[in-house]
Amino acid sequence: MRIIMLFILLNFVFTDQRNFVWTYENIMLAPGEKELELYFTNYLPEIDISQNANINTLKLEAEIEIGMSENLEVSFYNVFKEYPEYNAEGTFFSRKLKYDEYKLRFKYRVFKNGHKWAPLFYSELKGKPDFTKWVAEQKLIFNRKFNNINFSFNPILELEFELQDNGKWEKEIETEFAAGLSYNRGESFSYGIDLKSSEYSTYIGPVLAHGNEDKWWTIGIMKKVAGEDEKAELILRSIMGFHF
């Protein structure tokens, strides 16, 4: 009996492994637990990967998560961006790496009745280092597991404020949606499909996750199936997590 209880406890404590690269699941760190997550996202303008030299954009994110209580998790992100630069004639001449933004994120439980469809709440504040842009994001995380099948979906609302050249703030409201379906085959492996959609673009693609209670890795590649021409044709995202 003690062994069974220990197994359940460990699965509760080390439970922040991701099965998707865009869709969030109803999982939180236990009180006092910490995790470092490293994000690598490559935005590829051309469908042929070999044709994206010096035109792709990379985003590198480092996130520290802390379990504050059974009902609250807090994290902070530092986000860096590496992108191509062009001269006045539109010719590429170099790539630039800069500190792009910071994020403060909260995951918290509002409904504590244990209902199988009770969502986890996700609130995030993003800002530019020069304080010219702020984004407040509210997300609901719905998650159900049917034996080895994992289904998650996230309705998302964003409120964006950006300072214009005339000194006035411009406000924009955006709605988004993310959904994922995965199959856990055992041996710490899962694979599935991830989807994200907004009024500007829709992406879908396969994801693969592998890991254990100490470290994990999730990778996915998503293809644009609808959206504006200036949006990337492919997005490759990798997330690695290290529990401590």
C-alpha atoms as a PDB file:
ATOM      1  CA  MET A   1       0.000   0.000   0.000  1.00  0.00           C
ATOM      2  CA  ARG A   2       2.849   2.409   0.826  1.00  0.00           C
ATOM      3  CA  ILE A   3       4.440   1.760  -2.560  1.00  0.00           C
ATOM      4  CA  ILE A   4       1.149   2.513  -4.319  1.00  0.00           C
ATOM      5  CA  MET A   5       0.715   5.759  -2.354  1.00  0.00           C
ATOM      6  CA  LEU A   6       4.304   6.801  -3.133  1.00  0.00           C
ATOM      7  CA  PHE A   7       3.730   6.173  -6.854  1.00  0.00           C
ATOM      8  CA  ILE A   8       0.570   8.319  -6.811  1.00  0.00           C
ATOM      9  CA  LEU A   9       2.368  11.091  -4.915  1.00  0.00           C
ATOM     10  CA  LEU A  10       5.281  11.178  -7.359  1.00  0.00           C
ATOM     11  CA  ASN A  11       2.929  11.386 -10.314  1.00  0.00           C
ATOM     12  CA  PHE A  12       1.188  14.298  -8.607  1.00  0.00           C
ATOM     13  CA  VAL A  13       4.352  16.195  -7.723  1.00  0.00           C
ATOM     14  CA  PHE A  14       6.224  15.822 -11.018  1.00  0.00           C
ATOM     15  CA  THR A  15       3.281  16.555 -13.205  1.00  0.00           C
ATOM     16  CA  ASP A  16       4.168  19.523 -15.415  1.00  0.00           C
ATOM     17  CA  GLN A  17       5.268  17.567 -18.478  1.00  0.00           C
ATOM     18  CA  ARG A  18       3.815  18.926 -21.718  1.00  0.00           C
ATOM     19  CA  ASN A  19       2.246  16.756 -24.419  1.00  0.00           C
ATOM     20  CA  PHE A  20       1.720  19.693 -26.809  1.00  0.00           C
ATOM     21  CA  VAL A  21       3.748  22.690 -27.931  1.00  0.00           C
ATOM     22  CA  TRP A  22       0.862  25.214 -28.097  1.00  0.00           C
ATOM     23  CA  THR A  23      -2.077  23.720 -26.221  1.00  0.00           C
ATOM     24  CA  TYR A  24      -1.928  23.804 -22.425  1.00  0.00           C
ATOM     25  CA  GLU A  25      -3.122  20.987 -20.177  1.00  0.00           C
ATOM     26  CA  ASN A  26      -4.717  20.988 -16.738  1.00  0.00           C
ATOM     27  CA  ILE A  27      -1.503  20.336 -14.826  1.00  0.00           C
ATOM     28  CA  MET A  28       0.329  22.276 -12.110  1.00  0.00           C
ATOM     29  CA  LEU A  29       3.450  21.970 -10.006  1.00  0.00           C
ATOM     30  CA  ALA A  30       2.981  20.989  -6.373  1.00  0.00           C
ATOM     31  CA  PRO A  31       3.681  23.581  -3.649  1.00  0.00           C
ATOM     32  CA  GLY A  32       7.403  24.339  -3.426  1.00  0.00           C
ATOM     33  CA  GLU A  33       8.296  22.546  -6.678  1.00  0.00           C
ATOM     34  CA  LYS A  34      10.224  24.401  -9.394  1.00  0.00           C
ATOM     35  CA  GLU A  35      10.855  23.853 -13.069  1.00  0.00           C
ATOM     36  CA  LEU A  36      12.990  25.451 -15.767  1.00  0.00           C
ATOM     37  CA  GLU A  37      11.513  25.360 -19.274  1.00  0.00           C
ATOM     38  CA  LEU A  38      13.410  26.326 -22.429  1.00  0.00           C
ATOM     39  CA  TYR A  39      11.468  27.213 -25.583  1.00  0.00           C
ATOM     40  CA  PHE A  40      12.890  27.279 -29.108  1.00  0.00           C
ATOM     41  CA  THR A  41      10.492  28.479 -31.816  1.00  0.00           C
ATOM     42  CA  ASN A  42      11.471  28.792 -35.468  1.00  0.00           C
ATOM     43  CA  TYR A  43       9.153  30.721 -37.807  1.00  0.00           C
ATOM     44  CA  LEU A  44       9.804  29.623 -41.402  1.00  0.00           C
ATOM     45  CA  PRO A  45       8.373  31.801 -44.214  1.00  0.00           C
ATOM     46  CA  GLU A  46       8.865  29.134 -46.903  1.00  0.00           C
ATOM     47  CA  ILE A  47       7.293  25.672 -46.980  1.00  0.00           C
ATOM     48  CA  ASP A  48      10.596  24.230 -48.261  1.00  0.00           C
ATOM     49  CA  ILE A  49      12.777  24.254 -45.153  1.00  0.00           C
ATOM     50  CA  SER A  50      15.972  24.499 -47.226  1.00  0.00           C
ATOM     51  CA  GLN A  51      14.784  27.848 -48.652  1.00  0.00           C
ATOM     52  CA  ASN A  52      14.601  29.635 -45.289  1.00  0.00           C
ATOM     53  CA  ALA A  53      18.261  30.590 -44.828  1.00  0.00           C
ATOM     54  CA  ASN A  54      18.507  34.131 -43.405  1.00  0.00           C
ATOM     55  CA  ILE A  55      14.765  34.798 -43.678  1.00  0.00           C
ATOM     56  CA  ASN A  56      13.493  32.845 -40.671  1.00  0.00           C
ATOM     57  CA  THR A  57      12.838  34.277 -37.217  1.00  0.00           C
ATOM     58  CA  LEU A  58      13.812  32.535 -33.985  1.00  0.00           C
ATOM     59  CA  LYS A  59      12.317  33.039 -30.538  1.00  0.00           C
ATOM     60  CA  LEU A  60      14.198  31.771 -27.503  1.00  0.00           C
ATOM     61  CA  GLU A  61      12.390  31.723 -24.150  1.00  0.00           C
ATOM     62  CA  ALA A  62      13.543  30.800 -20.652  1.00  0.00           C
ATOM     63  CA  GLU A  63      10.800  30.231 -18.068  1.00  0.00           C
ATOM     64  CA  ILE A  64      11.008  29.574 -14.334  1.00  0.00           C
ATOM     65  CA  GLU A  65       7.881  28.003 -12.807  1.00  0.00           C
ATOM     66  CA  ILE A  66       7.160  27.781  -9.077  1.00  0.00           C
ATOM     67  CA  GLY A  67       4.320  25.942  -7.370  1.00  0.00           C
ATOM     68  CA  MET A  68       3.068  28.446  -4.784  1.00  0.00           C
ATOM     69  CA  SER A  69       0.186  26.385  -3.409  1.00  0.00           C
ATOM     70  CA  GLU A  70      -2.117  23.559  -4.444  1.00  0.00           C
ATOM     71  CA  ASN A  71      -4.183  26.112  -6.366  1.00  0.00           C
ATOM     72  CA  LEU A  72      -1.583  28.577  -7.675  1.00  0.00           C
ATOM     73  CA  GLU A  73       1.461  28.378  -9.939  1.00  0.00           C
ATOM     74  CA  VAL A  74       3.553  31.417 -10.936  1.00  0.00           C
ATOM     75  CA  SER A  75       6.160  31.754 -13.656  1.00  0.00           C
ATOM     76  CA  PHE A  76       8.352  34.389 -15.300  1.00  0.00           C
ATOM     77  CA  TYR A  77       9.687  34.333 -18.876  1.00  0.00           C
ATOM     78  CA  ASN A  78      12.578  36.099 -20.563  1.00  0.00           C
ATOM     79  CA  VAL A  79      12.081  36.146 -24.344  1.00  0.00           C
ATOM     80  CA  PHE A  80      14.819  36.751 -26.925  1.00  0.00           C
ATOM     81  CA  LYS A  81      14.318  37.200 -30.665  1.00  0.00           C
ATOM     82  CA  GLU A  82      16.798  36.589 -33.482  1.00  0.00           C
ATOM     83  CA  TYR A  83      15.757  37.880 -36.888  1.00  0.00           C
ATOM     84  CA  PRO A  84      17.118  39.040 -40.282  1.00  0.00           C
ATOM     85  CA  GLU A  85      17.903  42.673 -41.077  1.00  0.00           C
ATOM     86  CA  TYR A  86      17.668  44.240 -44.536  1.00  0.00           C
ATOM     87  CA  ASN A  87      19.100  47.408 -46.052  1.00  0.00           C
ATOM     88  CA  ALA A  88      17.130  50.123 -47.834  1.00  0.00           C
ATOM     89  CA  GLU A  89      17.139  48.079 -51.055  1.00  0.00           C
ATOM     90  CA  GLY A  90      15.623  45.104 -49.256  1.00  0.00           C
ATOM     91  CA  THR A  91      18.814  43.040 -49.363  1.00  0.00           C
ATOM     92  CA  PHE A  92      19.723  40.904 -46.373  1.00  0.00           C
ATOM     93  CA  PHE A  93      22.931  42.019 -44.607  1.00  0.00           C
ATOM     94  CA  SER A  94      22.918  40.584 -41.057  1.00  0.00           C
ATOM     95  CA  ARG A  95      20.965  38.902 -38.281  1.00  0.00           C
ATOM     96  CA  LYS A  96      20.194  40.555 -34.965  1.00  0.00           C
ATOM     97  CA  LEU A  97      19.560  39.123 -31.493  1.00  0.00           C
ATOM     98  CA  LYS A  98      17.663  41.249 -29.005  1.00  0.00           C
ATOM     99  CA  TYR A  99      15.748  40.985 -25.742  1.00  0.00           C
ATOM    100  CA  ASP A 100      12.174  41.011 -27.020  1.00  0.00           C
ATOM    101  CA  GLU A 101       9.763  40.834 -24.088  1.00  0.00           C
ATOM    102  CA  TYR A 102       9.045  39.547 -20.601  1.00  0.00           C
ATOM    103  CA  LYS A 103       6.055  37.597 -19.340  1.00  0.00           C
ATOM    104  CA  LEU A 104       4.498  37.102 -15.936  1.00  0.00           C
ATOM    105  CA  ARG A 105       2.111  34.152 -15.842  1.00  0.00           C
ATOM    106  CA  PHE A 106      -0.320  32.670 -13.308  1.00  0.00           C
ATOM    107  CA  LYS A 107      -2.114  29.319 -13.411  1.00  0.00           C
ATOM    108  CA  TYR A 108      -4.786  28.917 -10.749  1.00  0.00           C
ATOM    109  CA  ARG A 109      -7.804  26.861  -9.821  1.00  0.00           C
ATOM    110  CA  VAL A 110     -11.086  28.670  -9.337  1.00  0.00           C
ATOM    111  CA  PHE A 111     -13.419  25.673  -9.342  1.00  0.00           C
ATOM    112  CA  LYS A 112     -12.420  23.167  -6.676  1.00  0.00           C
ATOM    113  CA  ASN A 113     -15.399  20.828  -6.895  1.00  0.00           C
ATOM    114  CA  GLY A 114     -13.431  18.215  -8.837  1.00  0.00           C
ATOM    115  CA  HIS A 115     -15.775  18.282 -11.835  1.00  0.00           C
ATOM    116  CA  LYS A 116     -14.184  16.551 -14.822  1.00  0.00           C
ATOM    117  CA  TRP A 117     -14.674  19.597 -17.080  1.00  0.00           C
ATOM    118  CA  ALA A 118     -13.668  22.232 -14.497  1.00  0.00           C
ATOM    119  CA  PRO A 119     -11.101  24.454 -16.258  1.00  0.00           C
ATOM    120  CA  LEU A 120      -7.753  25.654 -15.015  1.00  0.00           C
ATOM    121  CA  PHE A 121      -7.376  29.436 -15.340  1.00  0.00           C
ATOM    122  CA  TYR A 122      -4.324  30.930 -17.045  1.00  0.00           C
ATOM    123  CA  SER A 123      -3.534  34.669 -16.882  1.00  0.00           C
ATOM    124  CA  GLU A 124      -0.492  36.251 -18.495  1.00  0.00           C
ATOM    125  CA  LEU A 125       0.934  39.763 -18.773  1.00  0.00           C
ATOM    126  CA  LYS A 126       3.451  40.412 -21.564  1.00  0.00           C
ATOM    127  CA  GLY A 127       5.447  43.611 -21.999  1.00  0.00           C
ATOM    128  CA  LYS A 128       8.148  45.138 -24.176  1.00  0.00           C
ATOM    129  CA  PRO A 129      11.341  46.255 -22.395  1.00  0.00           C
ATOM    130  CA  ASP A 130      10.751  49.881 -23.484  1.00  0.00           C
ATOM    131  CA  PHE A 131       7.167  49.758 -22.101  1.00  0.00           C
ATOM    132  CA  THR A 132       5.608  50.636 -25.480  1.00  0.00           C
ATOM    133  CA  LYS A 133       3.426  47.535 -25.655  1.00  0.00           C
ATOM    134  CA  TRP A 134       1.418  45.507 -23.158  1.00  0.00           C
ATOM    135  CA  VAL A 135      -0.629  42.376 -23.713  1.00  0.00           C
ATOM    136  CA  ALA A 136      -2.987  40.823 -21.172  1.00  0.00           C
ATOM    137  CA  GLU A 137      -4.023  37.256 -21.982  1.00  0.00           C
ATOM    138  CA  GLN A 138      -6.719  35.155 -20.361  1.00  0.00           C
ATOM    139  CA  LYS A 139      -6.961  31.477 -21.168  1.00  0.00           C
ATOM    140  CA  LEU A 140      -9.162  28.631 -19.967  1.00  0.00           C
ATOM    141  CA  ILE A 141      -7.585  25.172 -19.916  1.00  0.00           C
ATOM    142  CA  PHE A 142      -9.981  22.280 -20.417  1.00  0.00           C
ATOM    143  CA  ASN A 143      -8.534  18.781 -20.286  1.00  0.00           C
ATOM    144  CA  ARG A 144      -9.922  15.247 -20.316  1.00  0.00           C
ATOM    145  CA  LYS A 145      -8.127  11.917 -20.332  1.00  0.00           C
ATOM    146  CA  PHE A 146      -9.707   8.710 -21.618  1.00  0.00           C
ATOM    147  CA  ASN A 147      -7.297   5.921 -20.680  1.00  0.00           C
ATOM    148  CA  ASN A 148      -4.276   6.652 -22.932  1.00  0.00           C
ATOM    149  CA  ILE A 149      -6.024   9.390 -24.913  1.00  0.00           C
ATOM    150  CA  ASN A 150      -5.465  12.998 -23.842  1.00  0.00           C
ATOM    151  CA  PHE A 151      -7.699  15.814 -25.148  1.00  0.00           C
ATOM    152  CA  SER A 152      -7.136  19.486 -24.313  1.00  0.00           C
ATOM    153  CA  PHE A 153      -8.499  22.756 -25.622  1.00  0.00           C
ATOM    154  CA  ASN A 154      -7.952  26.416 -24.734  1.00  0.00           C
ATOM    155  CA  PRO A 155     -10.212  29.363 -25.623  1.00  0.00           C
ATOM    156  CA  ILE A 156      -8.045  32.501 -25.430  1.00  0.00           C
ATOM    157  CA  LEU A 157      -8.765  36.231 -25.147  1.00  0.00           C
ATOM    158  CA  GLU A 158      -6.036  38.864 -25.581  1.00  0.00           C
ATOM    159  CA  LEU A 159      -6.198  42.592 -24.855  1.00  0.00           C
ATOM    160  CA  GLU A 160      -3.322  44.507 -26.462  1.00  0.00           C
ATOM    161  CA  PHE A 161      -2.170  48.094 -25.855  1.00  0.00           C
ATOM    162  CA  GLU A 162       0.509  49.634 -28.089  1.00  0.00           C
ATOM    163  CA  LEU A 163       1.949  53.161 -27.960  1.00  0.00           C
ATOM    164  CA  GLN A 164       1.737  54.925 -31.351  1.00  0.00           C
ATOM    165  CA  ASP A 165       4.027  57.571 -32.822  1.00  0.00           C
ATOM    166  CA  ASN A 166       1.449  60.270 -32.000  1.00  0.00           C
ATOM    167  CA  GLY A 167       1.705  59.403 -28.301  1.00  0.00           C
ATOM    168  CA  LYS A 168      -1.674  57.709 -28.110  1.00  0.00           C
ATOM    169  CA  TRP A 169      -2.322  54.124 -27.085  1.00  0.00           C
ATOM    170  CA  GLU A 170      -4.005  51.839 -29.579  1.00  0.00           C
ATOM    171  CA  LYS A 171      -6.148  49.008 -28.190  1.00  0.00           C
ATOM    172  CA  GLU A 172      -6.909  45.711 -29.909  1.00  0.00           C
ATOM    173  CA  ILE A 173      -8.865  42.673 -28.772  1.00  0.00           C
ATOM    174  CA  GLU A 174      -7.989  39.275 -30.243  1.00  0.00           C
ATOM    175  CA  THR A 175      -9.518  35.851 -29.800  1.00  0.00           C
ATOM    176  CA  GLU A 176      -7.646  32.601 -30.335  1.00  0.00           C
ATOM    177  CA  PHE A 177      -8.158  28.894 -29.916  1.00  0.00           C
ATOM    178  CA  ALA A 178      -5.813  25.963 -29.321  1.00  0.00           C
ATOM    179  CA  ALA A 179      -6.569  22.243 -29.155  1.00  0.00           C
ATOM    180  CA  GLY A 180      -4.558  19.057 -28.902  1.00  0.00           C
ATOM    181  CA  LEU A 181      -5.153  15.318 -29.034  1.00  0.00           C
ATOM    182  CA  SER A 182      -2.437  12.867 -27.988  1.00  0.00           C
ATOM    183  CA  TYR A 183      -1.926   9.181 -27.327  1.00  0.00           C
ATOM    184  CA  ASN A 184       0.335   7.971 -24.511  1.00  0.00           C
ATOM    185  CA  ARG A 185       1.840   4.679 -25.626  1.00  0.00           C
ATOM    186  CA  GLY A 186       3.815   4.127 -22.408  1.00  0.00           C
ATOM    187  CA  GLU A 187       7.582   4.123 -21.968  1.00  0.00           C
ATOM    188  CA  SER A 188       7.341   7.896 -21.367  1.00  0.00           C
ATOM    189  CA  PHE A 189       6.308   8.555 -24.990  1.00  0.00           C
ATOM    190  CA  SER A 190       3.260  10.316 -26.397  1.00  0.00           C
ATOM    191  CA  TYR A 191       2.417  11.604 -29.854  1.00  0.00           C
ATOM    192  CA  GLY A 192      -0.495  13.455 -31.326  1.00  0.00           C
ATOM    193  CA  ILE A 193      -1.834  16.526 -33.136  1.00  0.00           C
ATOM    194  CA  ASP A 194      -1.679  20.170 -32.070  1.00  0.00           C
ATOM    195  CA  LEU A 195      -3.744  23.025 -33.506  1.00  0.00           C
ATOM    196  CA  LYS A 196      -3.820  26.770 -32.961  1.00  0.00           C
ATOM    197  CA  SER A 197      -6.059  29.278 -34.691  1.00  0.00           C
ATOM    198  CA  SER A 198      -6.757  33.005 -34.651  1.00  0.00           C
ATOM    199  CA  GLU A 199      -8.344  35.560 -36.944  1.00  0.00           C
ATOM    200  CA  TYR A 200      -4.976  35.903 -38.688  1.00  0.00           C
ATOM    201  CA  SER A 201      -3.870  32.307 -39.248  1.00  0.00           C
ATOM    202  CA  THR A 202      -4.488  28.639 -38.477  1.00  0.00           C
ATOM    203  CA  TYR A 203      -1.777  26.027 -37.918  1.00  0.00           C
ATOM    204  CA  ILE A 204      -1.916  22.282 -37.370  1.00  0.00           C
ATOM    205  CA  GLY A 205       0.730  19.595 -37.100  1.00  0.00           C
ATOM    206  CA  PRO A 206       2.178  16.565 -35.289  1.00  0.00           C
ATOM    207  CA  VAL A 207       3.767  16.602 -31.836  1.00  0.00           C
ATOM    208  CA  LEU A 208       6.011  14.134 -30.015  1.00  0.00           C
ATOM    209  CA  ALA A 209       6.722  14.151 -26.273  1.00  0.00           C
ATOM    210  CA  HIS A 210       9.174  12.120 -24.213  1.00  0.00           C
ATOM    211  CA  GLY A 211      10.310  12.394 -20.617  1.00  0.00           C
ATOM    212  CA  ASN A 212      10.048  11.386 -16.988  1.00  0.00           C
ATOM    213  CA  GLU A 213       9.673  13.039 -13.592  1.00  0.00           C
ATOM    214  CA  ASP A 214      13.026  14.872 -13.813  1.00  0.00           C
ATOM    215  CA  LYS A 215      13.187  16.085 -17.399  1.00  0.00           C
ATOM    216  CA  TRP A 216      11.096  16.044 -20.548  1.00  0.00           C
ATOM    217  CA  TRP A 217      11.094  17.226 -24.157  1.00  0.00           C
ATOM    218  CA  THR A 218       8.224  18.079 -26.489  1.00  0.00           C
ATOM    219  CA  ILE A 219       8.647  18.962 -30.157  1.00  0.00           C
ATOM    220  CA  GLY A 220       6.167  19.780 -32.900  1.00  0.00           C
ATOM    221  CA  ILE A 221       6.048  21.177 -36.400  1.00  0.00           C
ATOM    222  CA  MET A 222       2.959  23.003 -37.602  1.00  0.00           C
ATOM    223  CA  LYS A 223       1.870  23.965 -41.096  1.00  0.00           C
ATOM    224  CA  LYS A 224      -0.240  26.979 -41.961  1.00  0.00           C
ATOM    225  CA  VAL A 225      -3.533  25.817 -43.447  1.00  0.00           C
ATOM    226  CA  ALA A 226      -5.180  29.243 -43.589  1.00  0.00           C
ATOM    227  CA  GLY A 227      -4.237  32.830 -42.929  1.00  0.00           C
ATOM    228  CA  GLU A 228      -2.470  35.953 -44.084  1.00  0.00           C
ATOM    229  CA  ASP A 229       0.398  35.758 -46.558  1.00  0.00           C
ATOM    230  CA  GLU A 230       2.921  37.378 -44.211  1.00  0.00           C
ATOM    231  CA  LYS A 231       2.445  34.675 -41.596  1.00  0.00           C
ATOM    232  CA  ALA A 232       5.044  31.885 -41.506  1.00  0.00           C
ATOM    233  CA  GLU A 233       4.317  28.795 -43.588  1.00  0.00           C
ATOM    234  CA  LEU A 234       5.824  26.482 -40.962  1.00  0.00           C
ATOM    235  CA  ILE A 235       6.462  26.785 -37.226  1.00  0.00           C
ATOM    236  CA  LEU A 236       8.860  24.454 -35.476  1.00  0.00           C
ATOM    237  CA  ARG A 237       8.726  24.523 -31.666  1.00  0.00           C
ATOM    238  CA  SER A 238      10.724  22.617 -29.066  1.00  0.00           C
ATOM    239  CA  ILE A 239      10.156  22.795 -25.295  1.00  0.00           C
ATOM    240  CA  MET A 240      12.471  21.183 -22.732  1.00  0.00           C
ATOM    241  CA  GLY A 241      11.652  20.998 -19.036  1.00  0.00           C
ATOM    242  CA  PHE A 242      13.985  20.379 -16.087  1.00  0.00           C
ATOM    243  CA  HIS A 243      12.466  19.730 -12.669  1.00  0.00           C
ATOM    244  CA  PHE A 244      14.372  20.712  -9.503  1.00  0.00           C
END
